[in-house]
Amino acid sequence: MNDRQSPARARPFDRAGMTLVEMLVALAIFAVISTVIIGFLTGSRRTYDSTSDRAHYQQSLRAVFSLMTREIRSAGCDPAEVDLDGFPVADDLTLRCRMDLDGDGVTLGLGPDEDITYTFDPDIAVLQRTTIAGTQEILRDVQLVQFTYFDAAGNPLAATPLSLADRERVRFVDIAILGELRDGEPVTYSTRVYVRNG
């Protein structure tokens, strides 16, 4: 007899597969890795949303500050020399500025940008801009808008609303806006505007 076995009688390969314990260990490792990856992706998305909200809000604030600065800077522009009151209303939450941009001696005429009022409405958290054309919301999600007035020497004119004499002395206006991002994070911006005011 031959010591070698025939190919038909050779021992078959072991096809047992994974045991239940091995399967559970593999699933546990997969679950841990999945949890780490999902946590990382969720954190990344939250950071992206927060950064995007901040950038959008900053862009809106820059546009509002640019508009307000340009218009407040022109308050009292009076080429027709009719002794224009550049700030008929000046208090903490409301600022009305008038200017005669076209030199016709009239600020309540057809030019919608010659008599402008900025008002902060704390009840609806909105900064509004009013002209003869109507009122529009220019910034939402605002917690506070504060106008502070200074004379030519930089001294604050603190008694608001300002009297006619103090309104004529205004040479600088500080604008401070406190807003809030969607995630509740506060955002504060401020600027100082030099005004000609007569």
N, C-alpha and C. Protein backbone atom coordinates (compact mmCIF):
# COMPACT_ATOMS: atom_id res chain seq x y z
N MET A 1 0.80 -1.17 0.00
CA MET A 1 0.00 0.00 0.00
C MET A 1 0.85 1.24 0.00
N ASN A 2 0.21 2.13 -0.53
CA ASN A 2 0.88 3.41 -0.68
C ASN A 2 0.58 4.27 0.54
N ASP A 3 1.61 4.90 1.13
CA ASP A 3 1.41 5.75 2.31
C ASP A 3 0.71 7.06 1.97
N ARG A 4 0.79 7.39 0.78
CA ARG A 4 0.13 8.65 0.42
C ARG A 4 -1.35 8.43 0.21
N GLN A 5 -2.14 9.41 0.64
CA GLN A 5 -3.58 9.31 0.45
C GLN A 5 -3.94 9.82 -0.92
N SER A 6 -5.01 9.35 -1.39
CA SER A 6 -5.46 9.81 -2.70
C SER A 6 -6.05 11.20 -2.55
N PRO A 7 -6.08 11.97 -3.62
CA PRO A 7 -6.60 13.34 -3.54
C PRO A 7 -8.02 13.38 -3.05
N ALA A 8 -8.83 12.40 -3.30
CA ALA A 8 -10.22 12.40 -2.87
C ALA A 8 -10.32 12.26 -1.37
N ARG A 9 -9.35 11.60 -0.76
CA ARG A 9 -9.41 11.39 0.67
C ARG A 9 -8.66 12.47 1.44
N ALA A 10 -8.11 13.47 0.76
CA ALA A 10 -7.35 14.53 1.45
C ALA A 10 -8.31 15.33 2.35
N ARG A 11 -7.77 15.81 3.42
CA ARG A 11 -8.57 16.56 4.39
C ARG A 11 -9.05 17.86 3.74
N PRO A 12 -10.34 18.17 3.79
CA PRO A 12 -10.83 19.41 3.16
C PRO A 12 -10.38 20.63 3.96
N PHE A 13 -10.37 21.79 3.25
CA PHE A 13 -9.99 23.04 3.92
C PHE A 13 -10.98 23.35 5.02
N ASP A 14 -10.50 24.05 6.07
CA ASP A 14 -11.35 24.42 7.19
C ASP A 14 -12.19 25.63 6.78
N ARG A 15 -13.50 25.47 6.65
CA ARG A 15 -14.41 26.54 6.20
C ARG A 15 -15.32 26.98 7.34
N ALA A 16 -14.84 27.04 8.52
CA ALA A 16 -15.68 27.33 9.68
C ALA A 16 -16.18 28.78 9.70
N GLY A 17 -15.46 29.83 9.20
CA GLY A 17 -15.89 31.22 9.21
C GLY A 17 -15.63 31.88 10.55
N MET A 18 -16.36 33.01 10.79
CA MET A 18 -16.15 33.78 12.02
C MET A 18 -17.05 33.25 13.13
N THR A 19 -16.53 33.31 14.32
CA THR A 19 -17.34 32.91 15.47
C THR A 19 -18.19 34.11 15.89
N LEU A 20 -19.14 33.89 16.73
CA LEU A 20 -20.00 34.96 17.22
C LEU A 20 -19.20 36.01 17.99
N VAL A 21 -18.24 35.58 18.77
CA VAL A 21 -17.39 36.51 19.54
C VAL A 21 -16.60 37.40 18.60
N GLU A 22 -16.03 36.82 17.56
CA GLU A 22 -15.27 37.62 16.60
C GLU A 22 -16.18 38.64 15.89
N MET A 23 -17.39 38.23 15.58
CA MET A 23 -18.34 39.14 14.93
C MET A 23 -18.69 40.30 15.85
N LEU A 24 -18.93 40.03 17.12
CA LEU A 24 -19.25 41.09 18.08
C LEU A 24 -18.09 42.05 18.27
N VAL A 25 -16.88 41.52 18.33
CA VAL A 25 -15.69 42.38 18.46
C VAL A 25 -15.56 43.29 17.24
N ALA A 26 -15.77 42.75 16.03
CA ALA A 26 -15.67 43.54 14.80
C ALA A 26 -16.75 44.64 14.77
N LEU A 27 -17.97 44.28 15.20
CA LEU A 27 -19.05 45.29 15.23
C LEU A 27 -18.75 46.38 16.26
N ALA A 28 -18.19 46.02 17.40
CA ALA A 28 -17.85 47.01 18.42
C ALA A 28 -16.79 47.97 17.90
N ILE A 29 -15.77 47.47 17.24
CA ILE A 29 -14.71 48.32 16.67
C ILE A 29 -15.31 49.25 15.60
N PHE A 30 -16.19 48.70 14.75
CA PHE A 30 -16.84 49.50 13.72
C PHE A 30 -17.68 50.61 14.34
N ALA A 31 -18.41 50.29 15.43
CA ALA A 31 -19.25 51.28 16.10
C ALA A 31 -18.41 52.41 16.69
N VAL A 32 -17.27 52.07 17.32
CA VAL A 32 -16.40 53.09 17.90
C VAL A 32 -15.84 54.01 16.80
N ILE A 33 -15.37 53.43 15.72
CA ILE A 33 -14.81 54.22 14.62
C ILE A 33 -15.90 55.10 14.00
N SER A 34 -17.11 54.55 13.81
CA SER A 34 -18.22 55.33 13.24
C SER A 34 -18.60 56.49 14.15
N THR A 35 -18.63 56.26 15.47
CA THR A 35 -18.96 57.32 16.41
C THR A 35 -17.94 58.45 16.35
N VAL A 36 -16.67 58.11 16.28
CA VAL A 36 -15.61 59.13 16.19
C VAL A 36 -15.75 59.92 14.90
N ILE A 37 -15.99 59.26 13.79
CA ILE A 37 -16.12 59.95 12.50
C ILE A 37 -17.35 60.85 12.48
N ILE A 38 -18.49 60.35 12.97
CA ILE A 38 -19.71 61.16 13.00
C ILE A 38 -19.54 62.36 13.92
N GLY A 39 -18.90 62.17 15.06
CA GLY A 39 -18.64 63.29 15.97
C GLY A 39 -17.76 64.34 15.31
N PHE A 40 -16.75 63.91 14.60
CA PHE A 40 -15.86 64.84 13.90
C PHE A 40 -16.63 65.62 12.83
N LEU A 41 -17.44 64.91 12.04
CA LEU A 41 -18.20 65.57 10.98
C LEU A 41 -19.24 66.54 11.55
N THR A 42 -19.90 66.15 12.64
CA THR A 42 -20.88 67.04 13.27
C THR A 42 -20.21 68.30 13.81
N GLY A 43 -19.06 68.14 14.46
CA GLY A 43 -18.32 69.30 14.97
C GLY A 43 -17.86 70.20 13.84
N SER A 44 -17.40 69.60 12.76
CA SER A 44 -16.95 70.39 11.61
C SER A 44 -18.11 71.18 11.01
N ARG A 45 -19.27 70.54 10.91
CA ARG A 45 -20.45 71.22 10.36
C ARG A 45 -20.88 72.37 11.26
N ARG A 46 -20.85 72.15 12.57
CA ARG A 46 -21.22 73.19 13.52
C ARG A 46 -20.27 74.38 13.41
N THR A 47 -18.98 74.09 13.30
CA THR A 47 -17.98 75.16 13.14
C THR A 47 -18.18 75.91 11.84
N TYR A 48 -18.46 75.18 10.76
CA TYR A 48 -18.70 75.82 9.46
C TYR A 48 -19.93 76.72 9.53
N ASP A 49 -21.03 76.24 10.13
CA ASP A 49 -22.24 77.04 10.24
C ASP A 49 -22.00 78.30 11.06
N SER A 50 -21.29 78.16 12.17
CA SER A 50 -21.00 79.30 13.03
C SER A 50 -20.14 80.33 12.29
N THR A 51 -19.12 79.87 11.60
CA THR A 51 -18.24 80.77 10.84
C THR A 51 -19.02 81.44 9.71
N SER A 52 -19.87 80.69 9.05
CA SER A 52 -20.69 81.24 7.96
C SER A 52 -21.66 82.29 8.49
N ASP A 53 -22.32 82.01 9.63
CA ASP A 53 -23.22 82.99 10.23
C ASP A 53 -22.48 84.26 10.60
N ARG A 54 -21.32 84.10 11.22
CA ARG A 54 -20.53 85.26 11.63
C ARG A 54 -20.13 86.10 10.41
N ALA A 55 -19.66 85.44 9.35
CA ALA A 55 -19.24 86.16 8.14
C ALA A 55 -20.42 86.88 7.51
N HIS A 56 -21.59 86.23 7.46
CA HIS A 56 -22.77 86.86 6.88
C HIS A 56 -23.20 88.07 7.71
N TYR A 57 -23.19 87.93 9.03
CA TYR A 57 -23.59 89.03 9.91
C TYR A 57 -22.59 90.18 9.80
N GLN A 58 -21.30 89.86 9.75
CA GLN A 58 -20.29 90.91 9.60
C GLN A 58 -20.46 91.64 8.28
N GLN A 59 -20.77 90.91 7.23
CA GLN A 59 -20.98 91.54 5.93
C GLN A 59 -22.19 92.47 5.99
N SER A 60 -23.26 92.03 6.62
CA SER A 60 -24.44 92.89 6.77
C SER A 60 -24.11 94.13 7.59
N LEU A 61 -23.38 93.94 8.68
CA LEU A 61 -23.00 95.09 9.51
C LEU A 61 -22.11 96.08 8.75
N ARG A 62 -21.17 95.56 7.97
CA ARG A 62 -20.31 96.46 7.18
C ARG A 62 -21.13 97.29 6.21
N ALA A 63 -22.11 96.66 5.56
CA ALA A 63 -22.97 97.39 4.62
C ALA A 63 -23.79 98.45 5.35
N VAL A 64 -24.34 98.11 6.52
CA VAL A 64 -25.13 99.07 7.29
C VAL A 64 -24.25 100.21 7.77
N PHE A 65 -23.07 99.89 8.30
CA PHE A 65 -22.16 100.95 8.77
C PHE A 65 -21.73 101.85 7.63
N SER A 66 -21.48 101.28 6.46
CA SER A 66 -21.09 102.08 5.30
C SER A 66 -22.20 103.06 4.92
N LEU A 67 -23.43 102.57 4.88
CA LEU A 67 -24.58 103.42 4.55
C LEU A 67 -24.77 104.51 5.60
N MET A 68 -24.78 104.12 6.88
CA MET A 68 -25.00 105.09 7.95
C MET A 68 -23.89 106.12 8.01
N THR A 69 -22.65 105.66 7.86
CA THR A 69 -21.51 106.58 7.91
C THR A 69 -21.62 107.63 6.81
N ARG A 70 -21.92 107.19 5.60
CA ARG A 70 -22.02 108.12 4.47
C ARG A 70 -23.12 109.15 4.71
N GLU A 71 -24.27 108.69 5.19
CA GLU A 71 -25.40 109.61 5.36
C GLU A 71 -25.23 110.51 6.58
N ILE A 72 -24.74 109.98 7.69
CA ILE A 72 -24.55 110.80 8.88
C ILE A 72 -23.44 111.82 8.66
N ARG A 73 -22.41 111.43 7.92
CA ARG A 73 -21.30 112.35 7.63
C ARG A 73 -21.80 113.58 6.86
N SER A 74 -22.84 113.41 6.05
CA SER A 74 -23.38 114.52 5.25
C SER A 74 -24.41 115.35 5.99
N ALA A 75 -24.76 114.97 7.21
CA ALA A 75 -25.78 115.72 7.96
C ALA A 75 -25.36 117.18 8.07
N GLY A 76 -26.29 118.05 7.74
CA GLY A 76 -26.01 119.48 7.81
C GLY A 76 -25.43 120.05 6.54
N CYS A 77 -25.20 119.22 5.53
CA CYS A 77 -24.70 119.72 4.25
C CYS A 77 -25.71 120.76 3.75
N ASP A 78 -25.25 122.00 3.53
CA ASP A 78 -26.16 123.11 3.29
C ASP A 78 -25.59 124.06 2.24
N PRO A 79 -25.48 123.62 0.98
CA PRO A 79 -24.92 124.51 -0.03
C PRO A 79 -25.75 125.75 -0.29
N ALA A 80 -27.07 125.69 -0.04
CA ALA A 80 -27.93 126.86 -0.27
C ALA A 80 -27.91 127.81 0.92
N GLU A 81 -27.20 127.44 1.98
CA GLU A 81 -27.05 128.25 3.20
C GLU A 81 -28.39 128.72 3.76
N VAL A 82 -29.26 127.77 4.02
CA VAL A 82 -30.57 128.09 4.60
C VAL A 82 -30.58 127.76 6.10
N ASP A 83 -29.42 127.62 6.68
CA ASP A 83 -29.27 127.33 8.11
C ASP A 83 -30.00 126.04 8.47
N LEU A 84 -29.56 124.97 7.86
CA LEU A 84 -30.17 123.66 8.00
C LEU A 84 -29.80 123.02 9.34
N ASP A 85 -30.81 122.49 10.04
CA ASP A 85 -30.58 121.73 11.27
C ASP A 85 -30.21 120.31 10.85
N GLY A 86 -28.94 119.96 10.96
CA GLY A 86 -28.46 118.66 10.50
C GLY A 86 -29.02 117.48 11.26
N PHE A 87 -29.32 117.70 12.56
CA PHE A 87 -29.86 116.62 13.40
C PHE A 87 -31.14 117.10 14.09
N PRO A 88 -32.28 117.04 13.42
CA PRO A 88 -33.52 117.45 14.08
C PRO A 88 -33.91 116.54 15.24
N VAL A 89 -33.50 115.29 15.20
CA VAL A 89 -33.74 114.36 16.31
C VAL A 89 -32.42 113.66 16.61
N ALA A 90 -32.01 113.71 17.87
CA ALA A 90 -30.76 113.04 18.26
C ALA A 90 -30.92 112.54 19.69
N ASP A 91 -31.17 111.24 19.82
CA ASP A 91 -31.19 110.64 21.16
C ASP A 91 -30.46 109.30 21.12
N ASP A 92 -30.61 108.51 22.16
CA ASP A 92 -29.84 107.27 22.27
C ASP A 92 -30.20 106.24 21.20
N LEU A 93 -31.49 106.13 20.84
CA LEU A 93 -31.95 105.07 19.96
C LEU A 93 -32.44 105.56 18.60
N THR A 94 -32.53 106.87 18.43
CA THR A 94 -33.02 107.43 17.17
C THR A 94 -32.10 108.57 16.74
N LEU A 95 -31.82 108.58 15.45
CA LEU A 95 -31.01 109.66 14.87
C LEU A 95 -31.64 110.06 13.54
N ARG A 96 -32.03 111.31 13.46
CA ARG A 96 -32.56 111.84 12.19
C ARG A 96 -31.54 112.83 11.67
N CYS A 97 -31.13 112.64 10.43
CA CYS A 97 -30.16 113.55 9.83
C CYS A 97 -30.72 114.12 8.53
N ARG A 98 -30.47 115.40 8.35
CA ARG A 98 -30.95 116.10 7.15
C ARG A 98 -29.76 116.73 6.45
N MET A 99 -29.84 116.71 5.12
CA MET A 99 -28.79 117.32 4.31
C MET A 99 -29.40 117.75 2.98
N ASP A 100 -28.86 118.80 2.41
CA ASP A 100 -29.34 119.31 1.13
C ASP A 100 -28.32 118.89 0.07
N LEU A 101 -28.46 117.68 -0.43
CA LEU A 101 -27.47 117.12 -1.35
C LEU A 101 -27.49 117.77 -2.72
N ASP A 102 -28.66 118.21 -3.17
CA ASP A 102 -28.74 118.78 -4.51
C ASP A 102 -28.67 120.30 -4.52
N GLY A 103 -28.55 120.94 -3.33
CA GLY A 103 -28.35 122.39 -3.25
C GLY A 103 -29.56 123.22 -3.61
N ASP A 104 -30.76 122.63 -3.54
CA ASP A 104 -31.96 123.39 -3.91
C ASP A 104 -32.59 124.11 -2.72
N GLY A 105 -31.98 124.00 -1.54
CA GLY A 105 -32.49 124.67 -0.35
C GLY A 105 -33.64 123.95 0.33
N VAL A 106 -33.98 122.73 -0.17
CA VAL A 106 -35.10 121.96 0.39
C VAL A 106 -34.61 120.56 0.72
N THR A 107 -34.97 120.08 1.92
CA THR A 107 -34.58 118.72 2.28
C THR A 107 -35.78 117.78 2.31
N LEU A 108 -36.96 118.32 2.16
CA LEU A 108 -38.15 117.47 2.19
C LEU A 108 -38.75 117.35 0.79
N GLY A 109 -37.96 117.58 -0.22
CA GLY A 109 -38.46 117.51 -1.59
C GLY A 109 -38.47 116.09 -2.11
N LEU A 110 -38.12 115.95 -3.37
CA LEU A 110 -38.18 114.65 -4.03
C LEU A 110 -36.99 113.76 -3.71
N GLY A 111 -35.93 114.33 -3.20
CA GLY A 111 -34.75 113.51 -2.90
C GLY A 111 -34.96 112.65 -1.67
N PRO A 112 -35.07 111.34 -1.81
CA PRO A 112 -35.36 110.49 -0.66
C PRO A 112 -34.19 110.36 0.30
N ASP A 113 -33.02 110.78 -0.11
CA ASP A 113 -31.85 110.62 0.75
C ASP A 113 -31.41 111.93 1.39
N GLU A 114 -32.33 112.87 1.55
CA GLU A 114 -31.98 114.14 2.17
C GLU A 114 -32.54 114.28 3.58
N ASP A 115 -33.47 113.45 3.96
CA ASP A 115 -34.05 113.46 5.31
C ASP A 115 -34.22 112.00 5.73
N ILE A 116 -33.31 111.54 6.59
CA ILE A 116 -33.23 110.11 6.93
C ILE A 116 -33.29 109.95 8.44
N THR A 117 -34.05 108.96 8.88
CA THR A 117 -34.14 108.65 10.30
C THR A 117 -33.74 107.20 10.52
N TYR A 118 -32.80 107.00 11.43
CA TYR A 118 -32.42 105.65 11.86
C TYR A 118 -33.03 105.43 13.24
N THR A 119 -33.75 104.33 13.38
CA THR A 119 -34.42 104.03 14.64
C THR A 119 -34.19 102.57 15.00
N PHE A 120 -33.84 102.35 16.26
CA PHE A 120 -33.73 100.99 16.77
C PHE A 120 -35.03 100.67 17.52
N ASP A 121 -35.69 99.60 17.10
CA ASP A 121 -36.90 99.15 17.76
C ASP A 121 -36.57 97.90 18.59
N PRO A 122 -36.42 98.05 19.91
CA PRO A 122 -36.02 96.90 20.74
C PRO A 122 -37.09 95.82 20.83
N ASP A 123 -38.35 96.16 20.58
CA ASP A 123 -39.42 95.17 20.67
C ASP A 123 -39.31 94.10 19.58
N ILE A 124 -38.81 94.48 18.41
CA ILE A 124 -38.68 93.51 17.32
C ILE A 124 -37.21 93.27 16.94
N ALA A 125 -36.28 93.88 17.70
CA ALA A 125 -34.83 93.69 17.50
C ALA A 125 -34.40 94.02 16.09
N VAL A 126 -34.82 95.22 15.61
CA VAL A 126 -34.55 95.62 14.23
C VAL A 126 -34.07 97.07 14.20
N LEU A 127 -33.09 97.34 13.34
CA LEU A 127 -32.67 98.70 13.03
C LEU A 127 -33.37 99.10 11.75
N GLN A 128 -34.09 100.25 11.79
CA GLN A 128 -34.87 100.70 10.64
C GLN A 128 -34.32 102.00 10.08
N ARG A 129 -34.53 102.17 8.78
CA ARG A 129 -34.15 103.40 8.08
C ARG A 129 -35.40 103.95 7.42
N THR A 130 -35.73 105.22 7.75
CA THR A 130 -36.94 105.82 7.23
C THR A 130 -36.58 107.04 6.39
N THR A 131 -37.16 107.10 5.19
CA THR A 131 -37.05 108.26 4.30
C THR A 131 -38.46 108.62 3.86
N ILE A 132 -38.59 109.62 2.97
CA ILE A 132 -39.93 109.94 2.49
C ILE A 132 -40.50 108.80 1.65
N ALA A 133 -39.64 107.89 1.21
CA ALA A 133 -40.11 106.74 0.43
C ALA A 133 -40.69 105.64 1.32
N GLY A 134 -40.47 105.70 2.63
CA GLY A 134 -41.00 104.69 3.54
C GLY A 134 -39.96 104.19 4.51
N THR A 135 -40.33 103.16 5.26
CA THR A 135 -39.46 102.57 6.28
C THR A 135 -39.03 101.19 5.84
N GLN A 136 -37.75 100.90 6.02
CA GLN A 136 -37.25 99.57 5.70
C GLN A 136 -36.37 99.06 6.84
N GLU A 137 -36.39 97.75 7.04
CA GLU A 137 -35.51 97.12 8.02
C GLU A 137 -34.15 96.94 7.37
N ILE A 138 -33.11 97.49 7.99
CA ILE A 138 -31.78 97.33 7.40
C ILE A 138 -30.90 96.36 8.16
N LEU A 139 -31.29 96.00 9.38
CA LEU A 139 -30.52 95.01 10.14
C LEU A 139 -31.42 94.35 11.17
N ARG A 140 -31.42 93.01 11.15
CA ARG A 140 -32.24 92.23 12.09
C ARG A 140 -31.35 91.59 13.14
N ASP A 141 -31.99 90.97 14.12
CA ASP A 141 -31.28 90.29 15.22
C ASP A 141 -30.34 91.24 15.94
N VAL A 142 -30.84 92.44 16.22
CA VAL A 142 -30.05 93.47 16.89
C VAL A 142 -30.52 93.55 18.34
N GLN A 143 -29.59 93.47 19.26
CA GLN A 143 -29.94 93.58 20.68
C GLN A 143 -29.94 95.03 21.15
N LEU A 144 -29.05 95.84 20.56
CA LEU A 144 -28.96 97.24 20.97
C LEU A 144 -28.27 98.05 19.88
N VAL A 145 -28.78 99.25 19.65
CA VAL A 145 -28.10 100.25 18.82
C VAL A 145 -28.01 101.49 19.68
N GLN A 146 -26.81 102.01 19.82
CA GLN A 146 -26.58 103.16 20.70
C GLN A 146 -25.90 104.27 19.91
N PHE A 147 -26.51 105.46 19.91
CA PHE A 147 -25.90 106.64 19.31
C PHE A 147 -25.37 107.52 20.44
N THR A 148 -24.11 107.93 20.33
CA THR A 148 -23.49 108.83 21.30
C THR A 148 -22.92 110.01 20.54
N TYR A 149 -23.12 111.21 21.06
CA TYR A 149 -22.78 112.44 20.33
C TYR A 149 -21.65 113.19 21.04
N PHE A 150 -20.77 113.80 20.23
CA PHE A 150 -19.62 114.52 20.77
C PHE A 150 -19.48 115.86 20.06
N ASP A 151 -18.93 116.85 20.79
CA ASP A 151 -18.67 118.15 20.18
C ASP A 151 -17.30 118.13 19.49
N ALA A 152 -16.87 119.26 18.97
CA ALA A 152 -15.61 119.34 18.21
C ALA A 152 -14.40 118.99 19.06
N ALA A 153 -14.47 119.23 20.38
CA ALA A 153 -13.35 118.92 21.27
C ALA A 153 -13.37 117.46 21.73
N GLY A 154 -14.37 116.70 21.32
CA GLY A 154 -14.46 115.31 21.72
C GLY A 154 -15.19 115.10 23.03
N ASN A 155 -15.84 116.15 23.55
CA ASN A 155 -16.60 116.03 24.79
C ASN A 155 -17.97 115.44 24.49
N PRO A 156 -18.42 114.47 25.30
CA PRO A 156 -19.73 113.88 25.04
C PRO A 156 -20.86 114.86 25.35
N LEU A 157 -21.87 114.81 24.51
CA LEU A 157 -23.10 115.58 24.73
C LEU A 157 -24.11 114.58 25.29
N ALA A 158 -24.14 114.51 26.62
CA ALA A 158 -24.78 113.37 27.28
C ALA A 158 -26.28 113.52 27.49
N ALA A 159 -26.80 114.73 27.58
CA ALA A 159 -28.22 114.89 27.91
C ALA A 159 -29.06 114.66 26.66
N THR A 160 -29.59 113.45 26.51
CA THR A 160 -30.39 113.13 25.33
C THR A 160 -31.85 113.08 25.72
N PRO A 161 -32.77 113.44 24.83
CA PRO A 161 -32.49 113.92 23.48
C PRO A 161 -31.80 115.28 23.52
N LEU A 162 -30.94 115.49 22.53
CA LEU A 162 -30.15 116.71 22.51
C LEU A 162 -31.03 117.93 22.25
N SER A 163 -30.68 119.01 22.92
CA SER A 163 -31.37 120.28 22.68
C SER A 163 -30.91 120.84 21.33
N LEU A 164 -31.58 121.85 20.83
CA LEU A 164 -31.20 122.48 19.56
C LEU A 164 -29.76 122.97 19.62
N ALA A 165 -29.37 123.60 20.74
CA ALA A 165 -28.00 124.11 20.87
C ALA A 165 -26.99 122.97 20.82
N ASP A 166 -27.28 121.87 21.51
CA ASP A 166 -26.35 120.72 21.49
C ASP A 166 -26.34 120.05 20.12
N ARG A 167 -27.49 119.96 19.45
CA ARG A 167 -27.52 119.36 18.13
C ARG A 167 -26.64 120.13 17.15
N GLU A 168 -26.57 121.43 17.29
CA GLU A 168 -25.73 122.25 16.41
C GLU A 168 -24.25 122.06 16.72
N ARG A 169 -23.93 121.60 17.93
CA ARG A 169 -22.53 121.39 18.33
C ARG A 169 -22.00 120.01 17.96
N VAL A 170 -22.85 119.10 17.51
CA VAL A 170 -22.42 117.73 17.20
C VAL A 170 -21.41 117.74 16.07
N ARG A 171 -20.24 117.12 16.33
CA ARG A 171 -19.22 116.97 15.28
C ARG A 171 -18.81 115.50 15.10
N PHE A 172 -19.10 114.67 16.10
CA PHE A 172 -18.81 113.24 16.00
C PHE A 172 -20.01 112.47 16.52
N VAL A 173 -20.29 111.34 15.87
CA VAL A 173 -21.34 110.44 16.35
C VAL A 173 -20.72 109.05 16.45
N ASP A 174 -20.81 108.47 17.64
CA ASP A 174 -20.41 107.07 17.82
C ASP A 174 -21.64 106.19 17.63
N ILE A 175 -21.47 105.15 16.84
CA ILE A 175 -22.55 104.19 16.62
C ILE A 175 -22.05 102.84 17.14
N ALA A 176 -22.79 102.26 18.07
CA ALA A 176 -22.45 100.94 18.60
C ALA A 176 -23.65 100.02 18.36
N ILE A 177 -23.37 98.86 17.80
CA ILE A 177 -24.42 97.88 17.52
C ILE A 177 -24.05 96.56 18.18
N LEU A 178 -24.96 96.06 18.99
CA LEU A 178 -24.80 94.75 19.62
C LEU A 178 -25.80 93.82 18.96
N GLY A 179 -25.28 92.81 18.29
CA GLY A 179 -26.13 91.83 17.62
C GLY A 179 -25.96 90.46 18.23
N GLU A 180 -26.67 89.49 17.66
CA GLU A 180 -26.60 88.13 18.17
C GLU A 180 -26.67 87.16 17.00
N LEU A 181 -25.71 86.24 16.96
CA LEU A 181 -25.72 85.21 15.92
C LEU A 181 -26.78 84.16 16.25
N ARG A 182 -27.06 83.29 15.29
CA ARG A 182 -28.09 82.26 15.50
C ARG A 182 -27.77 81.33 16.66
N ASP A 183 -26.48 81.13 16.92
CA ASP A 183 -26.12 80.24 18.02
C ASP A 183 -26.12 80.96 19.37
N GLY A 184 -26.54 82.23 19.37
CA GLY A 184 -26.64 82.98 20.62
C GLY A 184 -25.40 83.76 20.98
N GLU A 185 -24.36 83.66 20.17
CA GLU A 185 -23.11 84.37 20.48
C GLU A 185 -23.28 85.86 20.19
N PRO A 186 -22.95 86.74 21.16
CA PRO A 186 -23.08 88.17 20.92
C PRO A 186 -21.96 88.71 20.02
N VAL A 187 -22.31 89.71 19.23
CA VAL A 187 -21.36 90.35 18.32
C VAL A 187 -21.51 91.85 18.49
N THR A 188 -20.41 92.55 18.78
CA THR A 188 -20.46 94.00 18.99
C THR A 188 -19.55 94.71 18.01
N TYR A 189 -20.09 95.75 17.37
CA TYR A 189 -19.30 96.58 16.46
C TYR A 189 -19.60 98.04 16.76
N SER A 190 -18.60 98.87 16.55
CA SER A 190 -18.82 100.31 16.75
C SER A 190 -17.92 101.09 15.81
N THR A 191 -18.33 102.32 15.56
CA THR A 191 -17.54 103.21 14.72
C THR A 191 -17.82 104.65 15.14
N ARG A 192 -16.91 105.52 14.81
CA ARG A 192 -17.08 106.96 15.07
C ARG A 192 -17.13 107.66 13.73
N VAL A 193 -18.13 108.52 13.58
CA VAL A 193 -18.35 109.23 12.33
C VAL A 193 -18.13 110.72 12.56
N TYR A 194 -17.28 111.32 11.72
CA TYR A 194 -17.13 112.78 11.74
C TYR A 194 -18.22 113.38 10.88
N VAL A 195 -18.89 114.40 11.38
CA VAL A 195 -19.97 115.02 10.61
C VAL A 195 -19.67 116.49 10.39
N ARG A 196 -20.14 117.01 9.25
CA ARG A 196 -19.93 118.44 8.97
C ARG A 196 -20.93 119.28 9.73
N ASN A 197 -22.21 118.86 9.77
CA ASN A 197 -23.26 119.49 10.60
C ASN A 197 -23.25 121.01 10.52
N GLY A 198 -23.39 121.54 9.34
CA GLY A 198 -23.52 123.00 9.18
C GLY A 198 -22.24 123.68 8.84
